PDB file of N, CA and C in Angstrom:
ATOM      1  N   MET A   1      99.398  56.318 102.930  1.00  0.00           N
ATOM      2  CA  MET A   1      98.239  55.666 102.823  1.00  0.00           C
ATOM      3  C   MET A   1      97.452  55.618 104.119  1.00  0.00           C
ATOM      4  N   LYS A   2      96.289  56.038 104.107  1.00  0.00           N
ATOM      5  CA  LYS A   2      95.417  56.266 105.337  1.00  0.00           C
ATOM      6  C   LYS A   2      95.207  55.086 106.122  1.00  0.00           C
ATOM      7  N   ASN A   3      94.844  53.919 105.465  1.00  0.00           N
ATOM      8  CA  ASN A   3      94.448  52.628 106.114  1.00  0.00           C
ATOM      9  C   ASN A   3      95.511  51.641 106.127  1.00  0.00           C
ATOM     10  N   LEU A   4      96.709  52.108 106.173  1.00  0.00           N
ATOM     11  CA  LEU A   4      97.891  51.159 106.071  1.00  0.00           C
ATOM     12  C   LEU A   4      97.826  50.162 107.295  1.00  0.00           C
ATOM     13  N   ASP A   5      97.561  50.744 108.428  1.00  0.00           N
ATOM     14  CA  ASP A   5      97.609  49.865 109.644  1.00  0.00           C
ATOM     15  C   ASP A   5      96.414  48.824 109.584  1.00  0.00           C
ATOM     16  N   ALA A   6      95.235  49.220 108.959  1.00  0.00           N
ATOM     17  CA  ALA A   6      94.216  48.122 108.873  1.00  0.00           C
ATOM     18  C   ALA A   6      94.669  47.132 107.850  1.00  0.00           C
ATOM     19  N   TYR A   7      95.227  47.544 106.773  1.00  0.00           N
ATOM     20  CA  TYR A   7      95.803  46.569 105.796  1.00  0.00           C
ATOM     21  C   TYR A   7      96.775  45.508 106.453  1.00  0.00           C
ATOM     22  N   LYS A   8      97.657  46.136 107.225  1.00  0.00           N
ATOM     23  CA  LYS A   8      98.606  45.209 108.040  1.00  0.00           C
ATOM     24  C   LYS A   8      97.833  44.246 108.888  1.00  0.00           C
ATOM     25  N   LEU A   9      96.849  44.760 109.532  1.00  0.00           N
ATOM     26  CA  LEU A   9      96.214  43.943 110.444  1.00  0.00           C
ATOM     27  C   LEU A   9      95.427  42.836 109.782  1.00  0.00           C
ATOM     28  N   PHE A  10      94.845  43.193 108.714  1.00  0.00           N
ATOM     29  CA  PHE A  10      94.081  42.252 107.865  1.00  0.00           C
ATOM     30  C   PHE A  10      94.912  41.232 107.215  1.00  0.00           C
ATOM     31  N   PHE A  11      95.904  41.586 106.515  1.00  0.00           N
ATOM     32  CA  PHE A  11      96.703  40.615 105.826  1.00  0.00           C
ATOM     33  C   PHE A  11      97.709  39.969 106.694  1.00  0.00           C
ATOM     34  N   GLY A  12      98.029  40.523 107.771  1.00  0.00           N
ATOM     35  CA  GLY A  12      98.851  39.759 108.719  1.00  0.00           C
ATOM     36  C   GLY A  12      98.070  38.746 109.431  1.00  0.00           C
ATOM     37  N   SER A  13      96.829  39.031 109.573  1.00  0.00           N
ATOM     38  CA  SER A  13      95.955  37.928 110.150  1.00  0.00           C
ATOM     39  C   SER A  13      95.890  36.665 109.177  1.00  0.00           C
ATOM     40  N   LEU A  14      95.640  36.954 107.952  1.00  0.00           N
ATOM     41  CA  LEU A  14      95.664  35.966 106.949  1.00  0.00           C
ATOM     42  C   LEU A  14      96.946  35.232 106.624  1.00  0.00           C
ATOM     43  N   ALA A  15      98.077  36.002 106.742  1.00  0.00           N
ATOM     44  CA  ALA A  15      99.291  35.427 106.381  1.00  0.00           C
ATOM     45  C   ALA A  15      99.827  34.505 107.498  1.00  0.00           C
ATOM     46  N   ASN A  16      99.374  34.570 108.722  1.00  0.00           N
ATOM     47  CA  ASN A  16      99.793  33.652 109.894  1.00  0.00           C
ATOM     48  C   ASN A  16      99.449  32.316 109.534  1.00  0.00           C
ATOM     49  N   PRO A  17     100.270  31.370 109.394  1.00  0.00           N
ATOM     50  CA  PRO A  17      99.915  29.903 109.028  1.00  0.00           C
ATOM     51  C   PRO A  17      99.029  29.309 109.992  1.00  0.00           C
ATOM     52  N   ASN A  18      99.099  29.576 111.265  1.00  0.00           N
ATOM     53  CA  ASN A  18      98.182  29.013 112.333  1.00  0.00           C
ATOM     54  C   ASN A  18      96.735  29.322 112.134  1.00  0.00           C
ATOM     55  N   ARG A  19      96.667  30.815 111.952  1.00  0.00           N
ATOM     56  CA  ARG A  19      95.400  31.489 111.728  1.00  0.00           C
ATOM     57  C   ARG A  19      94.742  30.962 110.491  1.00  0.00           C
ATOM     58  N   LEU A  20      95.467  30.811 109.472  1.00  0.00           N
ATOM     59  CA  LEU A  20      94.985  30.302 108.116  1.00  0.00           C
ATOM     60  C   LEU A  20      94.452  28.863 108.196  1.00  0.00           C
ATOM     61  N   ARG A  21      95.182  28.113 109.091  1.00  0.00           N
ATOM     62  CA  ARG A  21      94.776  26.669 109.136  1.00  0.00           C
ATOM     63  C   ARG A  21      93.477  26.700 109.965  1.00  0.00           C
ATOM     64  N   ILE A  22      93.244  27.572 110.919  1.00  0.00           N
ATOM     65  CA  ILE A  22      92.027  27.612 111.715  1.00  0.00           C
ATOM     66  C   ILE A  22      90.877  28.072 110.805  1.00  0.00           C
ATOM     67  N   LEU A  23      91.114  29.072 109.970  1.00  0.00           N
ATOM     68  CA  LEU A  23      90.081  29.452 109.019  1.00  0.00           C
ATOM     69  C   LEU A  23      89.735  28.430 108.106  1.00  0.00           C
ATOM     70  N   ASN A  24      90.647  27.664 107.533  1.00  0.00           N
ATOM     71  CA  ASN A  24      90.235  26.549 106.699  1.00  0.00           C
ATOM     72  C   ASN A  24      89.595  25.561 107.379  1.00  0.00           C
ATOM     73  N   SER A  25      89.771  25.180 108.623  1.00  0.00           N
ATOM     74  CA  SER A  25      88.993  24.294 109.368  1.00  0.00           C
ATOM     75  C   SER A  25      87.564  24.818 109.644  1.00  0.00           C
ATOM     76  N   LEU A  26      87.323  25.942 109.525  1.00  0.00           N
ATOM     77  CA  LEU A  26      86.011  26.386 109.693  1.00  0.00           C
ATOM     78  C   LEU A  26      85.152  26.739 108.390  1.00  0.00           C
ATOM     79  N   ARG A  27      85.853  26.468 107.323  1.00  0.00           N
ATOM     80  CA  ARG A  27      85.084  26.721 105.958  1.00  0.00           C
ATOM     81  C   ARG A  27      83.764  26.051 105.845  1.00  0.00           C
ATOM     82  N   ASP A  28      83.625  24.877 106.273  1.00  0.00           N
ATOM     83  CA  ASP A  28      82.394  23.990 106.070  1.00  0.00           C
ATOM     84  C   ASP A  28      81.583  23.864 107.258  1.00  0.00           C
ATOM     85  N   GLU A  29      82.028  24.197 108.482  1.00  0.00           N
ATOM     86  CA  GLU A  29      81.296  23.962 109.650  1.00  0.00           C
ATOM     87  C   GLU A  29      81.667  24.776 110.763  1.00  0.00           C
ATOM     88  N   SER A  30      80.843  25.043 111.709  1.00  0.00           N
ATOM     89  CA  SER A  30      81.220  25.666 112.956  1.00  0.00           C
ATOM     90  C   SER A  30      81.782  24.679 113.869  1.00  0.00           C
ATOM     91  N   ARG A  31      82.808  25.185 114.703  1.00  0.00           N
ATOM     92  CA  ARG A  31      83.475  24.279 115.576  1.00  0.00           C
ATOM     93  C   ARG A  31      83.720  24.782 116.838  1.00  0.00           C
ATOM     94  N   ASN A  32      83.838  24.183 118.020  1.00  0.00           N
ATOM     95  CA  ASN A  32      84.313  24.727 119.203  1.00  0.00           C
ATOM     96  C   ASN A  32      85.753  24.655 119.436  1.00  0.00           C
ATOM     97  N   VAL A  33      86.391  25.147 120.426  1.00  0.00           N
ATOM     98  CA  VAL A  33      87.847  25.141 120.497  1.00  0.00           C
ATOM     99  C   VAL A  33      88.410  23.605 120.485  1.00  0.00           C
ATOM    100  N   THR A  34      87.635  22.820 121.376  1.00  0.00           N
ATOM    101  CA  THR A  34      88.118  21.372 121.281  1.00  0.00           C
ATOM    102  C   THR A  34      88.203  20.741 119.962  1.00  0.00           C
ATOM    103  N   GLU A  35      87.112  20.984 119.085  1.00  0.00           N
ATOM    104  CA  GLU A  35      87.075  20.551 117.801  1.00  0.00           C
ATOM    105  C   GLU A  35      88.226  21.142 116.956  1.00  0.00           C
ATOM    106  N   LEU A  36      88.393  22.369 117.144  1.00  0.00           N
ATOM    107  CA  LEU A  36      89.551  22.973 116.318  1.00  0.00           C
ATOM    108  C   LEU A  36      90.825  22.430 116.731  1.00  0.00           C
ATOM    109  N   CYS A  37      91.110  22.139 117.978  1.00  0.00           N
ATOM    110  CA  CYS A  37      92.354  21.530 118.292  1.00  0.00           C
ATOM    111  C   CYS A  37      92.424  20.181 117.601  1.00  0.00           C
ATOM    112  N   LYS A  38      91.443  19.452 117.741  1.00  0.00           N
ATOM    113  CA  LYS A  38      91.609  18.091 116.960  1.00  0.00           C
ATOM    114  C   LYS A  38      91.782  18.295 115.357  1.00  0.00           C
ATOM    115  N   ALA A  39      91.173  19.287 114.850  1.00  0.00           N
ATOM    116  CA  ALA A  39      91.206  19.463 113.385  1.00  0.00           C
ATOM    117  C   ALA A  39      92.593  20.003 113.024  1.00  0.00           C
ATOM    118  N   THR A  40      93.092  20.730 113.946  1.00  0.00           N
ATOM    119  CA  THR A  40      94.394  21.443 113.508  1.00  0.00           C
ATOM    120  C   THR A  40      95.694  20.781 114.151  1.00  0.00           C
ATOM    121  N   GLY A  41      95.428  20.095 115.174  1.00  0.00           N
ATOM    122  CA  GLY A  41      96.587  19.563 116.066  1.00  0.00           C
ATOM    123  C   GLY A  41      97.318  20.579 116.872  1.00  0.00           C
ATOM    124  N   PHE A  42      96.631  21.758 117.062  1.00  0.00           N
ATOM    125  CA  PHE A  42      97.228  22.733 117.968  1.00  0.00           C
ATOM    126  C   PHE A  42      96.701  22.563 119.295  1.00  0.00           C
ATOM    127  N   GLU A  43      97.442  23.201 120.269  1.00  0.00           N
ATOM    128  CA  GLU A  43      97.020  23.226 121.613  1.00  0.00           C
ATOM    129  C   GLU A  43      95.933  24.304 121.901  1.00  0.00           C
ATOM    130  N   GLN A  44      95.180  24.045 122.858  1.00  0.00           N
ATOM    131  CA  GLN A  44      94.109  24.902 123.228  1.00  0.00           C
ATOM    132  C   GLN A  44      94.492  26.350 123.348  1.00  0.00           C
ATOM    133  N   THR A  45      95.615  26.691 123.892  1.00  0.00           N
ATOM    134  CA  THR A  45      95.899  28.066 124.181  1.00  0.00           C
ATOM    135  C   THR A  45      96.325  28.675 122.896  1.00  0.00           C
ATOM    136  N   MET A  46      96.832  27.983 121.892  1.00  0.00           N
ATOM    137  CA  MET A  46      97.137  28.602 120.633  1.00  0.00           C
ATOM    138  C   MET A  46      95.890  28.837 119.815  1.00  0.00           C
ATOM    139  N   VAL A  47      95.033  27.890 119.897  1.00  0.00           N
ATOM    140  CA  VAL A  47      93.728  28.053 119.157  1.00  0.00           C
ATOM    141  C   VAL A  47      92.877  29.271 119.689  1.00  0.00           C
ATOM    142  N   SER A  48      92.811  29.215 121.034  1.00  0.00           N
ATOM    143  CA  SER A  48      92.108  30.465 121.624  1.00  0.00           C
ATOM    144  C   SER A  48      92.709  31.833 121.335  1.00  0.00           C
ATOM    145  N   HIS A  49      93.997  31.832 121.418  1.00  0.00           N
ATOM    146  CA  HIS A  49      94.761  32.988 121.137  1.00  0.00           C
ATOM    147  C   HIS A  49      94.543  33.497 119.864  1.00  0.00           C
ATOM    148  N   ASN A  50      94.569  32.643 118.740  1.00  0.00           N
ATOM    149  CA  ASN A  50      94.356  33.008 117.286  1.00  0.00           C
ATOM    150  C   ASN A  50      92.967  33.335 116.979  1.00  0.00           C
ATOM    151  N   LEU A  51      92.044  32.590 117.736  1.00  0.00           N
ATOM    152  CA  LEU A  51      90.586  32.920 117.417  1.00  0.00           C
ATOM    153  C   LEU A  51      90.284  34.257 117.924  1.00  0.00           C
ATOM    154  N   LYS A  52      90.969  34.818 119.106  1.00  0.00           N
ATOM    155  CA  LYS A  52      90.664  36.065 119.553  1.00  0.00           C
ATOM    156  C   LYS A  52      91.087  37.118 118.403  1.00  0.00           C
ATOM    157  N   ARG A  53      92.212  36.958 117.819  1.00  0.00           N
ATOM    158  CA  ARG A  53      92.649  37.885 116.811  1.00  0.00           C
ATOM    159  C   ARG A  53      91.628  37.843 115.601  1.00  0.00           C
ATOM    160  N   LEU A  54      91.256  36.530 115.080  1.00  0.00           N
ATOM    161  CA  LEU A  54      90.446  36.304 113.990  1.00  0.00           C
ATOM    162  C   LEU A  54      89.054  36.911 114.309  1.00  0.00           C
ATOM    163  N   GLU A  55      88.558  36.928 115.497  1.00  0.00           N
ATOM    164  CA  GLU A  55      87.326  37.467 115.944  1.00  0.00           C
ATOM    165  C   GLU A  55      87.280  38.931 115.958  1.00  0.00           C
ATOM    166  N   LYS A  56      88.504  39.490 116.510  1.00  0.00           N
ATOM    167  CA  LYS A  56      88.540  40.967 116.484  1.00  0.00           C
ATOM    168  C   LYS A  56      88.581  41.716 115.021  1.00  0.00           C
ATOM    169  N   CYS A  57      89.112  40.908 114.157  1.00  0.00           N
ATOM    170  CA  CYS A  57      89.176  41.263 112.773  1.00  0.00           C
ATOM    171  C   CYS A  57      87.856  40.978 111.941  1.00  0.00           C
ATOM    172  N   GLY A  58      86.999  40.405 112.581  1.00  0.00           N
ATOM    173  CA  GLY A  58      85.647  40.073 111.921  1.00  0.00           C
ATOM    174  C   GLY A  58      85.852  38.851 110.928  1.00  0.00           C
ATOM    175  N   MET A  59      86.801  38.111 111.046  1.00  0.00           N
ATOM    176  CA  MET A  59      86.969  36.925 110.201  1.00  0.00           C
ATOM    177  C   MET A  59      86.191  35.714 110.674  1.00  0.00           C
ATOM    178  N   VAL A  60      85.947  35.675 111.952  1.00  0.00           N
ATOM    179  CA  VAL A  60      85.152  34.483 112.504  1.00  0.00           C
ATOM    180  C   VAL A  60      84.197  35.170 113.554  1.00  0.00           C
ATOM    181  N   PHE A  61      83.186  34.504 113.726  1.00  0.00           N
ATOM    182  CA  PHE A  61      82.162  34.932 114.721  1.00  0.00           C
ATOM    183  C   PHE A  61      82.002  33.723 115.673  1.00  0.00           C
ATOM    184  N   ALA A  62      81.712  34.106 116.888  1.00  0.00           N
ATOM    185  CA  ALA A  62      81.444  33.082 117.959  1.00  0.00           C
ATOM    186  C   ALA A  62      79.965  33.108 118.403  1.00  0.00           C
ATOM    187  N   GLU A  63      79.491  31.963 118.740  1.00  0.00           N
ATOM    188  CA  GLU A  63      78.115  31.802 119.158  1.00  0.00           C
ATOM    189  C   GLU A  63      78.170  30.868 120.362  1.00  0.00           C
ATOM    190  N   GLN A  64      77.458  31.386 121.471  1.00  0.00           N
ATOM    191  CA  GLN A  64      77.399  30.448 122.699  1.00  0.00           C
ATOM    192  C   GLN A  64      76.318  29.348 122.512  1.00  0.00           C
ATOM    193  N   LYS A  65      76.599  28.178 122.715  1.00  0.00           N
ATOM    194  CA  LYS A  65      75.729  27.057 122.723  1.00  0.00           C
ATOM    195  C   LYS A  65      75.876  26.225 123.837  1.00  0.00           C
ATOM    196  N   GLY A  66      75.124  26.450 124.809  1.00  0.00           N
ATOM    197  CA  GLY A  66      75.319  25.740 126.192  1.00  0.00           C
ATOM    198  C   GLY A  66      76.581  26.194 126.847  1.00  0.00           C
ATOM    199  N   LYS A  67      77.494  25.196 127.072  1.00  0.00           N
ATOM    200  CA  LYS A  67      78.692  25.623 127.840  1.00  0.00           C
ATOM    201  C   LYS A  67      79.753  25.910 126.777  1.00  0.00           C
ATOM    202  N   ASN A  68      79.580  25.715 125.459  1.00  0.00           N
ATOM    203  CA  ASN A  68      80.648  25.870 124.490  1.00  0.00           C
ATOM    204  C   ASN A  68      80.359  27.077 123.628  1.00  0.00           C
ATOM    205  N   ARG A  69      81.445  27.684 123.140  1.00  0.00           N
ATOM    206  CA  ARG A  69      81.385  28.751 122.205  1.00  0.00           C
ATOM    207  C   ARG A  69      81.807  28.117 120.829  1.00  0.00           C
ATOM    208  N   TYR A  70      81.007  28.277 119.857  1.00  0.00           N
ATOM    209  CA  TYR A  70      81.115  27.689 118.502  1.00  0.00           C
ATOM    210  C   TYR A  70      81.497  28.918 117.546  1.00  0.00           C
ATOM    211  N   TYR A  71      82.589  28.681 116.812  1.00  0.00           N
ATOM    212  CA  TYR A  71      83.111  29.543 115.921  1.00  0.00           C
ATOM    213  C   TYR A  71      82.879  29.222 114.462  1.00  0.00           C
ATOM    214  N   SER A  72      82.454  30.293 113.684  1.00  0.00           N
ATOM    215  CA  SER A  72      82.250  30.065 112.302  1.00  0.00           C
ATOM    216  C   SER A  72      83.029  31.128 111.434  1.00  0.00           C
ATOM    217  N   ILE A  73      83.261  30.778 110.129  1.00  0.00           N
ATOM    218  CA  ILE A  73      83.847  31.713 109.407  1.00  0.00           C
ATOM    219  C   ILE A  73      82.872  32.894 108.941  1.00  0.00           C
ATOM    220  N   ASN A  74      83.305  34.052 108.686  1.00  0.00           N
ATOM    221  CA  ASN A  74      82.440  35.100 108.235  1.00  0.00           C
ATOM    222  C   ASN A  74      82.055  34.785 106.826  1.00  0.00           C
ATOM    223  N   LYS A  75      80.801  34.397 106.688  1.00  0.00           N
ATOM    224  CA  LYS A  75      80.173  33.866 105.398  1.00  0.00           C
ATOM    225  C   LYS A  75      80.072  34.897 104.294  1.00  0.00           C
ATOM    226  N   ALA A  76      79.851  36.138 104.844  1.00  0.00           N
ATOM    227  CA  ALA A  76      79.625  37.202 103.882  1.00  0.00           C
ATOM    228  C   ALA A  76      80.755  37.772 103.182  1.00  0.00           C
ATOM    229  N   THR A  77      82.007  37.825 103.932  1.00  0.00           N
ATOM    230  CA  THR A  77      83.160  38.293 103.355  1.00  0.00           C
ATOM    231  C   THR A  77      84.287  37.264 103.291  1.00  0.00           C
ATOM    232  N   ILE A  78      84.775  36.724 104.326  1.00  0.00           N
ATOM    233  CA  ILE A  78      85.922  35.802 104.391  1.00  0.00           C
ATOM    234  C   ILE A  78      85.850  34.608 103.507  1.00  0.00           C
ATOM    235  N   LYS A  79      84.616  33.961 103.589  1.00  0.00           N
ATOM    236  CA  LYS A  79      84.465  32.631 102.986  1.00  0.00           C
ATOM    237  C   LYS A  79      84.596  32.880 101.308  1.00  0.00           C
ATOM    238  N   PRO A  80      83.944  33.862 100.804  1.00  0.00           N
ATOM    239  CA  PRO A  80      84.104  34.118  99.435  1.00  0.00           C
ATOM    240  C   PRO A  80      85.444  34.655  98.994  1.00  0.00           C
ATOM    241  N   LEU A  81      86.080  35.373  99.961  1.00  0.00           N
ATOM    242  CA  LEU A  81      87.483  35.868  99.735  1.00  0.00           C
ATOM    243  C   LEU A  81      88.390  34.779  99.579  1.00  0.00           C
ATOM    244  N   MET A  82      88.326  33.691 100.512  1.00  0.00           N
ATOM    245  CA  MET A  82      89.073  32.647 100.444  1.00  0.00           C
ATOM    246  C   MET A  82      88.937  31.748  99.260  1.00  0.00           C
ATOM    247  N   LYS A  83      87.717  31.754  98.733  1.00  0.00           N
ATOM    248  CA  LYS A  83      87.494  30.922  97.575  1.00  0.00           C
ATOM    249  C   LYS A  83      88.026  31.697  96.361  1.00  0.00           C
ATOM    250  N   MET A  84      88.126  32.959  96.478  1.00  0.00           N
ATOM    251  CA  MET A  84      88.744  33.787  95.387  1.00  0.00           C
ATOM    252  C   MET A  84      90.289  33.563  95.373  1.00  0.00           C
ATOM    253  N   ILE A  85      90.748  33.594  96.602  1.00  0.00           N
ATOM    254  CA  ILE A  85      92.202  33.300  96.826  1.00  0.00           C
ATOM    255  C   ILE A  85      92.654  31.913  96.327  1.00  0.00           C
ATOM    256  N   ASP A  86      91.920  31.016  96.549  1.00  0.00           N
ATOM    257  CA  ASP A  86      92.151  29.666  96.122  1.00  0.00           C
ATOM    258  C   ASP A  86      92.201  29.612  94.497  1.00  0.00           C
ATOM    259  N   ALA A  87      91.241  30.261  93.888  1.00  0.00           N
ATOM    260  CA  ALA A  87      91.244  30.296  92.438  1.00  0.00           C
ATOM    261  C   ALA A  87      92.545  31.059  91.954  1.00  0.00           C
ATOM    262  N   HIS A  88      92.893  32.084  92.555  1.00  0.00           N
ATOM    263  CA  HIS A  88      94.014  32.915  92.140  1.00  0.00           C
ATOM    264  C   HIS A  88      95.381  32.031  92.360  1.00  0.00           C
ATOM    265  N   MET A  89      95.441  31.470  93.462  1.00  0.00           N
ATOM    266  CA  MET A  89      96.596  30.556  93.779  1.00  0.00           C
ATOM    267  C   MET A  89      96.719  29.513  92.710  1.00  0.00           C
ATOM    268  N   GLN A  90      95.693  28.839  92.507  1.00  0.00           N
ATOM    269  CA  GLN A  90      95.688  27.661  91.490  1.00  0.00           C
ATOM    270  C   GLN A  90      96.216  28.237  90.047  1.00  0.00           C
ATOM    271  N   LYS A  91      95.681  29.292  89.691  1.00  0.00           N
ATOM    272  CA  LYS A  91      96.007  29.883  88.386  1.00  0.00           C
ATOM    273  C   LYS A  91      97.433  30.433  88.403  1.00  0.00           C
ATOM    274  N   TYR A  92      97.896  30.966  89.465  1.00  0.00           N
ATOM    275  CA  TYR A  92      99.207  31.729  89.210  1.00  0.00           C
ATOM    276  C   TYR A  92     100.306  31.244  90.255  1.00  0.00           C
ATOM    277  N   CYS A  93      99.966  31.125  91.595  1.00  0.00           N
ATOM    278  CA  CYS A  93     100.980  30.864  92.517  1.00  0.00           C
ATOM    279  C   CYS A  93     101.482  29.427  92.485  1.00  0.00           C
ATOM    280  N   CYS A  94     100.626  28.572  92.310  1.00  0.00           N
ATOM    281  CA  CYS A  94     100.936  27.121  92.205  1.00  0.00           C
ATOM    282  C   CYS A  94     101.877  26.837  91.161  1.00  0.00           C
ATOM    283  N   LYS A  95     101.842  27.613  90.008  1.00  0.00           N
ATOM    284  CA  LYS A  95     102.625  27.378  88.892  1.00  0.00           C
ATOM    285  C   LYS A  95     104.091  27.903  89.282  1.00  0.00           C
ATOM    286  N   ILE A  96     104.198  28.972  89.949  1.00  0.00           N
ATOM    287  CA  ILE A  96     105.429  29.470  90.418  1.00  0.00           C
ATOM    288  C   ILE A  96     106.161  28.376  91.421  1.00  0.00           C
ATOM    289  N   ILE A  97     105.342  27.954  92.319  1.00  0.00           N
ATOM    290  CA  ILE A  97     105.924  27.029  93.269  1.00  0.00           C
ATOM    291  C   ILE A  97     106.361  25.693  92.531  1.00  0.00           C
ATOM    292  N   GLY A  98     105.495  25.291  91.595  1.00  0.00           N
ATOM    293  CA  GLY A  98     105.983  24.162  90.811  1.00  0.00           C
ATOM    294  C   GLY A  98     107.215  24.265  90.086  1.00  0.00           C
ATOM    295  N   ASN A  99     107.358  25.403  89.428  1.00  0.00           N
ATOM    296  CA  ASN A  99     108.521  25.665  88.740  1.00  0.00           C
ATOM    297  C   ASN A  99     109.860  25.740  89.511  1.00  0.00           C
ATOM    298  N   LYS A 100     109.651  26.193  90.882  1.00  0.00           N
ATOM    299  CA  LYS A 100     110.831  26.318  91.758  1.00  0.00           C
ATOM    300  C   LYS A 100     111.151  24.889  92.250  1.00  0.00           C
ATOM    301  N   GLN A 101     110.225  24.021  92.198  1.00  0.00           N
ATOM    302  CA  GLN A 101     110.483  22.590  92.715  1.00  0.00           C
ATOM    303  C   GLN A 101     111.221  21.736  91.807  1.00  0.00           C
ATOM    304  N   LYS A 102     111.135  22.122  90.469  1.00  0.00           N
ATOM    305  CA  LYS A 102     111.776  21.331  89.402  1.00  0.00           C
ATOM    306  C   LYS A 102     113.325  21.477  89.394  1.00  0.00           C
TER     307      LYS A 102
END
């Protein structure tokens, strides 16, 4: 497969629980690193490191506002994708998890 490395990069970015938590924190509003630290409970270095990967993959965008950089989720592709993933998980994956917990 020609784009296997791109697939690995993309899905690896989404599969990381820390990056996924950051993406979910950005679904409804832009935030700076300090705000993301408060929302996720992560340290600044972890947030910054993961934002760098998300930004490289085009999953988040940064905008300079005064002294701070505000990050927002890619509204054209990632936000709708996450909404589709949520629907899929509710229909299929949550049932599997629920059955395993019984």
